[in-house]
Amino acid sequence: MSKDIRIKRGLTLRLKGEAEKQVLEAPRSKTYAIKPPDFHSVVPKVTLKEGATVLAGDVLFFSKYDEKLTFTSPVSGTLKEIKRAEKRRIIEVIVDADPTDSFKDFGKMDATSSTAEAVKSRVFESGCGAFLNQRPYDIVASPEDTPKAVFISAVSTAPLSADIGFLLKDKIAAFQEGVNALQKLTSGKVHLSVDASSEAILKGITGVELHKVTGPHPAGNVGVQIHKIDPINIGERVWAVGAEDVSIIGNVFLTGQYHPDRTIALSGSEAKENKYYKIKIGANVSDLIGQVSDDVRIISGDVLTGTKLSNNQYIGFYNTSLTLIPEGNKFRMLGWLPFTYNNIHSTSRTSLSWLFPKKKYDLNTNLNGEERALVVTGEMEDVLPMDVYPMQLLKACIAGDIEKMENLGIYEVVPEDFALIDYVNTSKLEAQDIIRLGLDLMITEVG
């Protein structure tokens, strides 16, 4: 039996360039990369030297603080380069891919009939532990923990994000096996949130507590769903898993092989072929879209939470969309005057956008202003559907006041929950960065 979650506060941001629901096979990249910065708080220890031969599923690196937390190669080939930045920090582990993949054989396993310890061991040794996100703190889950619940969000409300029901339509068997495995990892329930699109695909999934979610963004954020279903208290842990990642976990049990396949939505007003593409995790962005000009922003992920890429960089580990929008390097004459331009979207009534709620916009990356004092009240609360005081929490994070951060709900939020606040707040402060720094302080001081 499903339980409804109705979100009223938030904002549906409509942009031009939505991906057409047609799936194409993307060209196979010559190189693939796993990027340690994608896994916040993980300090990588590389297991191989440059030039080593790897199979798909071989360990490339593991966490310095827990050898059981491994990160494996998405393809077979040769370890081409361990790319480092300042202070020899590893930022990319690059593999030269073979024309076709050879796989490490983990052996098939029935998750339902296996012990919890055997299931957990298989998940983490195959590299699928990287898909498990721990709340609080928004970090990769520890193999030593047993969460009180596991949450899967099959709801996509972010602008130009991939339709999760469409992503999963051919992966139901693997998704069910992934759910069977996740049941063994928790002492509580596996919660699955769906919308109208994904409910039609996933309504037959067993072993989950189903929740139907409606409302504007950020209704699709798993943090909002956790807040409505089973809020996190001090000392508790829950795990969150992406919907497509559940099917990757399930495939490891069904086939005994690590198949990190993604169906990624190529979207945005600057994309030439707005469609869905089958890729491997860590694919090179230029092999998918070619070389683009400096007037185009390449974003791995959605426009609110994604990461800026340049040509020849690699798509992020968790991202199911690649978005191309105009760079904000052009400025409007007298753009500060209200009602001057008809292609401006604003949550206030300083433009005409409030008269056209269904209109789609071709927005760029221009901030339209500089940082200023936090003086406007109420605008942040309008787009954060949680029992949290966002402005006060941001101030506590800036001040590093741990006690206030705890009292104001730091354990319940992650940076993506503040993405709309980045968009609507007139102060132009980077709210997501501030929350990330606050969470890092909590990890250091509280653990």
Protein backbone atom coordinates (compact mmCIF):
# COMPACT_ATOMS: atom_id res chain seq x y z
CA MET A 1 0.00 0.00 0.00
CA SER A 2 1.41 3.38 -1.01
CA LYS A 3 1.60 6.46 1.17
CA ASP A 4 1.25 9.88 -0.43
CA ILE A 5 3.67 12.76 0.10
CA ARG A 6 2.33 16.09 -1.14
CA ILE A 7 4.86 18.90 -1.38
CA LYS A 8 3.47 22.43 -1.67
CA ARG A 9 6.52 24.64 -1.17
CA GLY A 10 9.15 24.69 -3.90
CA LEU A 11 9.62 25.83 -7.48
CA THR A 12 9.18 24.13 -10.84
CA LEU A 13 11.80 25.71 -13.08
CA ARG A 14 10.86 25.13 -16.73
CA LEU A 15 13.76 25.28 -19.20
CA LYS A 16 14.03 24.71 -22.93
CA GLY A 17 15.89 21.68 -24.22
CA GLU A 18 14.24 18.68 -22.56
CA ALA A 19 15.57 15.32 -23.78
CA GLU A 20 13.35 13.47 -26.24
CA LYS A 21 12.41 9.99 -25.02
CA GLN A 22 14.48 8.07 -27.51
CA VAL A 23 17.49 5.98 -26.44
CA LEU A 24 20.63 5.85 -28.60
CA GLU A 25 23.86 3.92 -28.09
CA ALA A 26 26.62 6.45 -27.40
CA PRO A 27 30.03 5.93 -29.04
CA ARG A 28 32.37 3.98 -26.79
CA SER A 29 34.88 6.33 -25.17
CA LYS A 30 38.57 5.69 -25.69
CA THR A 31 39.19 6.52 -22.04
CA TYR A 32 37.11 6.38 -18.85
CA ALA A 33 37.81 7.93 -15.46
CA ILE A 34 36.74 7.44 -11.88
CA LYS A 35 37.13 10.72 -9.99
CA PRO A 36 37.83 10.59 -6.22
CA PRO A 37 36.38 14.12 -5.71
CA ASP A 38 32.97 12.61 -6.59
CA PHE A 39 33.15 10.71 -3.28
CA HIS A 40 33.21 13.35 -0.60
CA SER A 41 35.46 12.64 2.42
CA VAL A 42 37.14 9.63 0.73
CA VAL A 43 40.95 9.76 0.70
CA PRO A 44 41.96 7.33 -2.09
CA LYS A 45 44.74 4.75 -1.94
CA VAL A 46 45.56 3.52 -5.45
CA THR A 47 46.09 -0.25 -5.76
CA LEU A 48 47.76 -0.36 -9.21
CA LYS A 49 50.52 1.40 -11.09
CA GLU A 50 50.17 3.16 -14.44
CA GLY A 51 50.37 0.62 -17.27
CA ALA A 52 48.64 -2.17 -15.32
CA THR A 53 45.98 -4.26 -17.06
CA VAL A 54 42.52 -4.13 -15.46
CA LEU A 55 39.24 -5.96 -15.87
CA ALA A 56 35.85 -4.33 -15.43
CA GLY A 57 35.28 -4.71 -11.69
CA ASP A 58 38.94 -4.65 -10.66
CA VAL A 59 39.72 -2.31 -7.75
CA LEU A 60 41.32 0.98 -8.82
CA PHE A 61 41.51 2.50 -5.35
CA PHE A 62 40.06 2.15 -1.87
CA SER A 63 39.42 4.45 1.06
CA LYS A 64 42.49 5.19 3.17
CA TYR A 65 40.35 4.80 6.30
CA ASP A 66 38.51 1.60 5.32
CA GLU A 67 39.95 -0.96 2.90
CA LYS A 68 36.52 -2.54 2.44
CA LEU A 69 35.28 0.63 0.71
CA THR A 70 36.51 -0.02 -2.83
CA PHE A 71 36.08 1.77 -6.15
CA THR A 72 36.30 -0.39 -9.25
CA SER A 73 36.99 0.05 -12.96
CA PRO A 74 33.91 0.54 -15.17
CA VAL A 75 35.69 -1.02 -18.18
CA SER A 76 38.57 -3.33 -18.98
CA GLY A 77 41.79 -1.94 -20.40
CA THR A 78 45.03 -0.36 -19.24
CA LEU A 79 45.49 2.06 -16.37
CA LYS A 80 46.62 5.07 -18.36
CA GLU A 81 47.14 7.82 -15.78
CA ILE A 82 46.71 8.71 -12.14
CA LYS A 83 46.06 12.43 -12.45
CA ARG A 84 46.97 14.62 -9.49
CA ALA A 85 46.38 18.24 -8.48
CA GLU A 86 47.95 20.40 -5.77
CA LYS A 87 49.55 18.54 -2.86
CA ARG A 88 49.46 15.38 -4.99
CA ARG A 89 45.71 15.05 -4.44
CA ILE A 90 44.33 12.43 -6.84
CA ILE A 91 41.57 13.86 -9.01
CA GLU A 92 41.20 11.23 -11.77
CA VAL A 93 42.12 7.60 -12.31
CA ILE A 94 42.00 7.15 -16.10
CA VAL A 95 41.67 3.82 -17.92
CA ASP A 96 42.41 3.26 -21.62
CA ALA A 97 39.44 1.11 -22.64
CA ASP A 98 39.59 -2.11 -24.62
CA PRO A 99 37.30 -2.34 -27.70
CA THR A 100 35.10 -4.75 -25.73
CA ASP A 101 35.00 -5.41 -22.00
CA SER A 102 36.33 -8.37 -20.08
CA PHE A 103 34.89 -8.78 -16.60
CA LYS A 104 36.07 -9.88 -13.21
CA ASP A 105 33.86 -12.79 -12.16
CA PHE A 106 32.37 -12.31 -8.69
CA GLY A 107 30.02 -15.27 -9.13
CA LYS A 108 26.23 -15.20 -9.27
CA MET A 109 24.41 -14.92 -5.95
CA ASP A 110 20.77 -15.01 -4.89
CA ALA A 111 20.40 -12.03 -2.58
CA THR A 112 17.20 -13.32 -0.99
CA SER A 113 18.64 -16.64 0.17
CA SER A 114 22.10 -15.31 1.10
CA THR A 115 23.12 -14.03 4.52
CA ALA A 116 23.27 -10.33 5.27
CA GLU A 117 27.05 -10.54 5.73
CA ALA A 118 27.54 -12.25 2.35
CA VAL A 119 25.34 -9.68 0.60
CA LYS A 120 27.17 -6.75 2.18
CA SER A 121 30.53 -8.26 1.26
CA ARG A 122 29.45 -8.66 -2.38
CA VAL A 123 28.12 -5.11 -2.60
CA PHE A 124 31.32 -3.53 -1.29
CA GLU A 125 33.88 -5.83 -2.97
CA SER A 126 32.30 -5.19 -6.38
CA GLY A 127 32.52 -1.41 -5.94
CA CYS A 128 28.74 -1.00 -5.60
CA GLY A 129 29.24 0.36 -2.08
CA ALA A 130 30.08 3.65 -3.77
CA PHE A 131 26.39 3.97 -4.73
CA LEU A 132 25.31 3.99 -1.07
CA ASN A 133 25.05 7.53 0.26
CA GLN A 134 24.98 8.07 4.03
CA ARG A 135 22.71 10.62 5.62
CA PRO A 136 23.56 12.69 7.59
CA TYR A 137 26.65 14.30 6.04
CA ASP A 138 26.08 13.23 2.38
CA ILE A 139 29.11 10.92 2.21
CA VAL A 140 29.76 7.40 0.95
CA ALA A 141 28.35 4.84 3.40
CA SER A 142 30.67 2.87 5.67
CA PRO A 143 30.71 -0.96 5.40
CA GLU A 144 30.78 -1.07 9.20
CA ASP A 145 27.36 0.61 9.59
CA THR A 146 23.87 -0.85 9.55
CA PRO A 147 21.39 1.92 8.64
CA LYS A 148 17.97 2.22 10.23
CA ALA A 149 16.44 2.45 6.73
CA VAL A 150 17.30 2.67 3.02
CA PHE A 151 15.68 5.26 0.75
CA ILE A 152 15.35 5.13 -3.03
CA SER A 153 13.97 8.11 -4.92
CA ALA A 154 12.49 7.36 -8.34
CA VAL A 155 11.20 10.92 -8.63
CA SER A 156 12.82 13.54 -10.87
CA THR A 157 11.74 17.13 -10.36
CA ALA A 158 14.98 19.05 -11.05
CA PRO A 159 14.98 21.11 -14.27
CA LEU A 160 15.88 19.06 -17.38
CA SER A 161 16.59 15.97 -15.26
CA ALA A 162 16.20 12.44 -16.62
CA ASP A 163 12.80 10.76 -16.40
CA ILE A 164 13.50 7.90 -13.98
CA GLY A 165 10.54 5.82 -15.09
CA PHE A 166 11.94 5.95 -18.62
CA LEU A 167 15.43 5.02 -17.39
CA LEU A 168 14.19 1.91 -15.60
CA LYS A 169 11.66 0.50 -18.06
CA ASP A 170 14.04 -2.25 -19.26
CA LYS A 171 15.77 -2.85 -15.90
CA ILE A 172 12.97 -4.11 -13.66
CA ALA A 173 14.45 -7.56 -12.95
CA ALA A 174 17.80 -6.06 -11.95
CA PHE A 175 16.03 -3.38 -9.90
CA GLN A 176 14.07 -6.02 -7.96
CA GLU A 177 17.24 -7.98 -7.22
CA GLY A 178 18.91 -4.76 -6.09
CA VAL A 179 16.03 -4.15 -3.68
CA ASN A 180 16.39 -7.73 -2.39
CA ALA A 181 20.06 -7.00 -1.64
CA LEU A 182 19.31 -3.67 0.03
CA GLN A 183 16.81 -5.37 2.35
CA LYS A 184 19.71 -7.38 3.79
CA LEU A 185 21.74 -4.22 4.51
CA THR A 186 19.29 -2.50 6.85
CA SER A 187 17.60 -3.32 10.14
CA GLY A 188 14.53 -1.40 8.99
CA LYS A 189 12.57 -0.79 5.80
CA VAL A 190 13.48 -0.03 2.21
CA HIS A 191 11.47 3.05 1.18
CA LEU A 192 10.76 3.64 -2.52
CA SER A 193 9.38 7.00 -3.64
CA VAL A 194 7.69 7.24 -7.05
CA ASP A 195 5.89 9.78 -9.19
CA ALA A 196 3.28 9.22 -11.89
CA SER A 197 5.90 8.13 -14.45
CA SER A 198 7.92 5.75 -12.29
CA GLU A 199 4.88 4.32 -10.44
CA ALA A 200 3.65 2.70 -13.64
CA ILE A 201 7.02 0.92 -13.99
CA LEU A 202 7.76 0.10 -10.34
CA LYS A 203 4.35 -0.62 -8.82
CA GLY A 204 5.04 -4.37 -8.89
CA ILE A 205 8.31 -4.17 -6.93
CA THR A 206 8.16 -6.20 -3.71
CA GLY A 207 10.02 -5.72 -0.42
CA VAL A 208 9.59 -1.94 -0.32
CA GLU A 209 7.31 0.58 1.33
CA LEU A 210 5.97 2.64 -1.55
CA HIS A 211 5.42 6.40 -1.36
CA LYS A 212 3.80 8.45 -4.13
CA VAL A 213 5.29 11.94 -4.31
CA THR A 214 3.67 14.98 -5.92
CA GLY A 215 4.66 18.62 -5.95
CA PRO A 216 7.28 21.01 -7.29
CA HIS A 217 11.04 20.67 -6.97
CA PRO A 218 12.65 19.71 -4.57
CA ALA A 219 9.98 17.01 -4.09
CA GLY A 220 12.30 14.58 -5.89
CA ASN A 221 15.18 15.13 -3.45
CA VAL A 222 15.62 12.09 -1.25
CA GLY A 223 16.40 14.38 1.71
CA VAL A 224 12.93 15.93 1.49
CA GLN A 225 11.39 12.45 1.34
CA ILE A 226 13.39 11.25 4.37
CA HIS A 227 12.22 14.34 6.26
CA LYS A 228 8.57 13.50 5.51
CA ILE A 229 8.82 9.71 6.05
CA ASP A 230 11.35 9.02 8.82
CA PRO A 231 13.42 12.03 9.97
CA ILE A 232 17.01 11.52 11.11
CA ASN A 233 17.81 12.01 14.78
CA ILE A 234 21.24 12.52 16.35
CA GLY A 235 23.28 9.33 16.16
CA GLU A 236 21.14 7.67 13.48
CA ARG A 237 22.22 6.65 9.98
CA VAL A 238 20.17 6.08 6.85
CA TRP A 239 21.37 5.21 3.35
CA ALA A 240 20.11 6.64 0.08
CA VAL A 241 20.56 5.01 -3.33
CA GLY A 242 19.84 6.35 -6.81
CA ALA A 243 17.11 4.45 -8.67
CA GLU A 244 19.32 3.42 -11.60
CA ASP A 245 22.11 2.50 -9.19
CA VAL A 246 19.79 -0.08 -7.59
CA SER A 247 19.65 -1.90 -10.92
CA ILE A 248 23.47 -1.85 -11.18
CA ILE A 249 23.67 -3.46 -7.72
CA GLY A 250 21.08 -6.03 -8.78
CA ASN A 251 23.04 -6.87 -11.94
CA VAL A 252 26.08 -7.82 -9.85
CA PHE A 253 24.00 -10.48 -8.13
CA LEU A 254 22.25 -11.69 -11.31
CA THR A 255 25.33 -11.88 -13.55
CA GLY A 256 28.29 -11.99 -11.16
CA GLN A 257 29.78 -9.06 -13.10
CA TYR A 258 30.04 -5.31 -12.56
CA HIS A 259 28.10 -3.52 -15.33
CA PRO A 260 28.03 0.22 -14.49
CA ASP A 261 25.68 1.12 -17.35
CA ARG A 262 24.00 4.51 -17.42
CA THR A 263 21.20 5.89 -19.55
CA ILE A 264 21.99 9.59 -19.53
CA ALA A 265 19.73 12.44 -20.65
CA LEU A 266 21.49 14.94 -22.91
CA SER A 267 19.50 18.14 -22.48
CA GLY A 268 19.66 21.92 -22.54
CA SER A 269 19.06 24.60 -25.15
CA GLU A 270 22.63 24.32 -26.48
CA ALA A 271 22.56 20.54 -27.04
CA LYS A 272 22.30 19.42 -30.67
CA GLU A 273 20.76 15.99 -30.09
CA ASN A 274 18.50 16.15 -27.04
CA LYS A 275 18.00 12.45 -26.44
CA TYR A 276 18.89 9.65 -24.00
CA TYR A 277 22.20 7.82 -24.49
CA LYS A 278 23.52 4.53 -23.14
CA ILE A 279 27.00 5.01 -21.69
CA LYS A 280 29.33 3.53 -19.08
CA ILE A 281 29.99 5.45 -15.87
CA GLY A 282 33.03 7.69 -16.26
CA ALA A 283 32.67 8.25 -20.01
CA ASN A 284 34.51 11.12 -21.69
CA VAL A 285 32.15 14.01 -22.38
CA SER A 286 33.72 14.94 -25.74
CA ASP A 287 33.06 11.44 -27.11
CA LEU A 288 29.36 12.07 -26.52
CA ILE A 289 28.92 15.70 -27.59
CA GLY A 290 32.13 16.54 -29.46
CA GLN A 291 33.96 19.81 -28.90
CA VAL A 292 31.79 22.75 -27.85
CA SER A 293 32.59 26.46 -27.82
CA ASP A 294 33.46 28.59 -24.82
CA ASP A 295 29.99 30.17 -25.07
CA VAL A 296 28.42 26.91 -23.83
CA ARG A 297 28.43 25.67 -20.23
CA ILE A 298 28.75 21.87 -19.98
CA ILE A 299 27.18 20.62 -16.75
CA SER A 300 27.50 17.06 -15.47
CA GLY A 301 24.14 16.76 -13.74
CA ASP A 302 21.25 19.22 -13.59
CA VAL A 303 21.59 23.00 -13.74
CA LEU A 304 21.04 23.48 -10.00
CA THR A 305 23.45 20.93 -8.52
CA GLY A 306 25.67 19.76 -11.38
CA THR A 307 29.41 20.26 -11.89
CA LYS A 308 30.95 22.38 -14.64
CA LEU A 309 32.98 20.38 -17.15
CA SER A 310 35.31 21.37 -19.96
CA ASN A 311 35.94 19.50 -23.20
CA ASN A 312 37.69 16.13 -22.68
CA GLN A 313 36.66 15.81 -19.03
CA TYR A 314 34.55 12.97 -17.66
CA ILE A 315 30.91 12.63 -16.65
CA GLY A 316 30.37 12.40 -12.88
CA PHE A 317 29.90 9.05 -11.15
CA TYR A 318 26.35 9.73 -9.91
CA ASN A 319 24.98 11.91 -12.72
CA THR A 320 22.14 10.73 -14.97
CA SER A 321 22.02 13.90 -17.07
CA LEU A 322 24.39 16.08 -19.08
CA THR A 323 23.13 19.63 -19.59
CA LEU A 324 24.32 22.26 -22.06
CA ILE A 325 23.19 25.87 -21.54
CA PRO A 326 24.53 29.29 -22.63
CA GLU A 327 27.37 30.83 -20.67
CA GLY A 328 26.44 34.01 -18.82
CA ASN A 329 28.98 36.20 -20.60
CA LYS A 330 26.45 38.58 -22.11
CA PHE A 331 24.80 41.40 -20.20
CA ARG A 332 21.46 43.09 -20.70
CA MET A 333 21.32 46.86 -21.15
CA LEU A 334 19.21 48.36 -18.37
CA GLY A 335 18.53 44.82 -17.23
CA TRP A 336 17.72 46.03 -13.74
CA LEU A 337 14.51 47.70 -14.95
CA PRO A 338 11.35 45.64 -14.29
CA PHE A 339 9.38 44.39 -17.34
CA THR A 340 12.26 45.26 -19.70
CA TYR A 341 12.80 41.75 -21.05
CA ASN A 342 10.25 38.99 -21.59
CA ASN A 343 12.72 36.06 -21.41
CA ILE A 344 13.68 36.58 -17.76
CA HIS A 345 12.49 34.19 -15.09
CA SER A 346 12.12 35.47 -11.55
CA THR A 347 10.34 34.28 -8.44
CA SER A 348 9.54 37.88 -7.59
CA ARG A 349 7.29 40.14 -9.66
CA THR A 350 10.17 42.14 -11.12
CA SER A 351 9.61 40.40 -14.46
CA LEU A 352 6.61 39.13 -16.40
CA SER A 353 7.38 35.47 -15.70
CA TRP A 354 4.71 35.19 -12.99
CA LEU A 355 2.07 35.81 -15.68
CA PHE A 356 3.25 32.77 -17.71
CA PRO A 357 3.67 29.83 -15.27
CA LYS A 358 3.89 27.24 -18.11
CA LYS A 359 6.43 29.10 -20.24
CA LYS A 360 9.85 27.52 -20.82
CA TYR A 361 12.95 29.71 -20.58
CA ASP A 362 16.39 29.71 -22.19
CA LEU A 363 18.42 30.77 -19.15
CA ASN A 364 22.18 31.27 -18.96
CA THR A 365 24.67 31.13 -16.08
CA ASN A 366 24.72 34.86 -15.33
CA LEU A 367 24.23 35.60 -11.62
CA ASN A 368 22.67 39.01 -12.38
CA GLY A 369 24.29 40.63 -9.38
CA GLU A 370 26.94 40.26 -6.71
CA GLU A 371 26.93 38.97 -3.14
CA ARG A 372 25.13 41.17 -0.62
CA ALA A 373 23.73 41.03 2.91
CA LEU A 374 21.06 38.51 3.95
CA VAL A 375 18.24 41.02 4.30
CA VAL A 376 15.19 39.57 2.54
CA THR A 377 13.23 37.19 4.75
CA GLY A 378 10.77 34.54 3.63
CA GLU A 379 12.13 33.83 0.16
CA MET A 380 14.25 30.87 1.28
CA GLU A 381 11.43 29.26 3.26
CA ASP A 382 9.20 29.36 0.16
CA VAL A 383 11.38 26.84 -1.69
CA LEU A 384 12.50 24.55 1.16
CA PRO A 385 9.64 22.20 2.15
CA MET A 386 11.25 21.06 5.41
CA ASP A 387 10.77 22.09 9.03
CA VAL A 388 14.09 23.94 8.96
CA TYR A 389 14.92 27.64 9.21
CA PRO A 390 17.27 27.95 6.21
CA MET A 391 18.55 31.49 6.76
CA GLN A 392 19.35 30.86 10.42
CA LEU A 393 21.02 27.54 9.56
CA LEU A 394 23.20 29.22 6.93
CA LYS A 395 24.26 31.84 9.46
CA ALA A 396 25.11 29.16 12.02
CA CYS A 397 27.23 27.34 9.40
CA ILE A 398 29.06 30.55 8.50
CA ALA A 399 29.73 31.18 12.20
CA GLY A 400 30.74 27.55 12.83
CA ASP A 401 28.32 27.32 15.77
CA ILE A 402 27.92 23.53 16.16
CA GLU A 403 25.23 23.68 18.86
CA LYS A 404 23.04 25.99 16.78
CA MET A 405 23.63 23.91 13.67
CA GLU A 406 22.40 20.82 15.50
CA ASN A 407 19.35 22.63 16.88
CA LEU A 408 18.50 24.05 13.44
CA GLY A 409 18.54 20.69 11.62
CA ILE A 410 21.99 20.25 10.07
CA TYR A 411 21.62 16.44 10.28
CA GLU A 412 18.58 16.50 7.98
CA VAL A 413 19.95 18.57 5.10
CA VAL A 414 22.52 18.15 2.35
CA PRO A 415 23.76 20.72 -0.19
CA GLU A 416 21.28 19.74 -2.93
CA ASP A 417 18.37 20.66 -0.63
CA PHE A 418 19.63 24.26 -0.79
CA ALA A 419 20.02 24.37 -4.58
CA LEU A 420 16.79 26.32 -5.12
CA ILE A 421 17.88 28.73 -2.39
CA ASP A 422 20.99 29.40 -4.48
CA TYR A 423 18.66 30.24 -7.36
CA VAL A 424 16.07 32.42 -5.64
CA ASN A 425 17.90 34.22 -2.84
CA THR A 426 18.70 37.86 -3.57
CA SER A 427 21.86 37.76 -1.44
CA LYS A 428 23.62 35.66 -4.16
CA LEU A 429 25.35 33.62 -1.45
CA GLU A 430 26.49 30.11 -2.39
CA ALA A 431 24.15 28.30 0.00
CA GLN A 432 25.17 24.80 -1.14
CA ASP A 433 28.84 25.52 -0.46
CA ILE A 434 28.02 26.94 2.97
CA ILE A 435 26.02 23.82 3.92
CA ARG A 436 28.84 21.59 2.66
CA LEU A 437 31.35 23.42 4.87
CA GLY A 438 28.95 23.10 7.80
CA LEU A 439 28.60 19.36 7.26
CA ASP A 440 32.39 18.97 7.02
CA LEU A 441 32.73 20.76 10.33
CA MET A 442 30.22 18.38 11.90
CA ILE A 443 32.14 15.36 10.56
CA THR A 444 35.35 16.70 12.08
CA GLU A 445 33.95 17.78 15.44
CA VAL A 446 31.12 15.31 16.04
CA GLY A 447 31.80 12.34 13.74
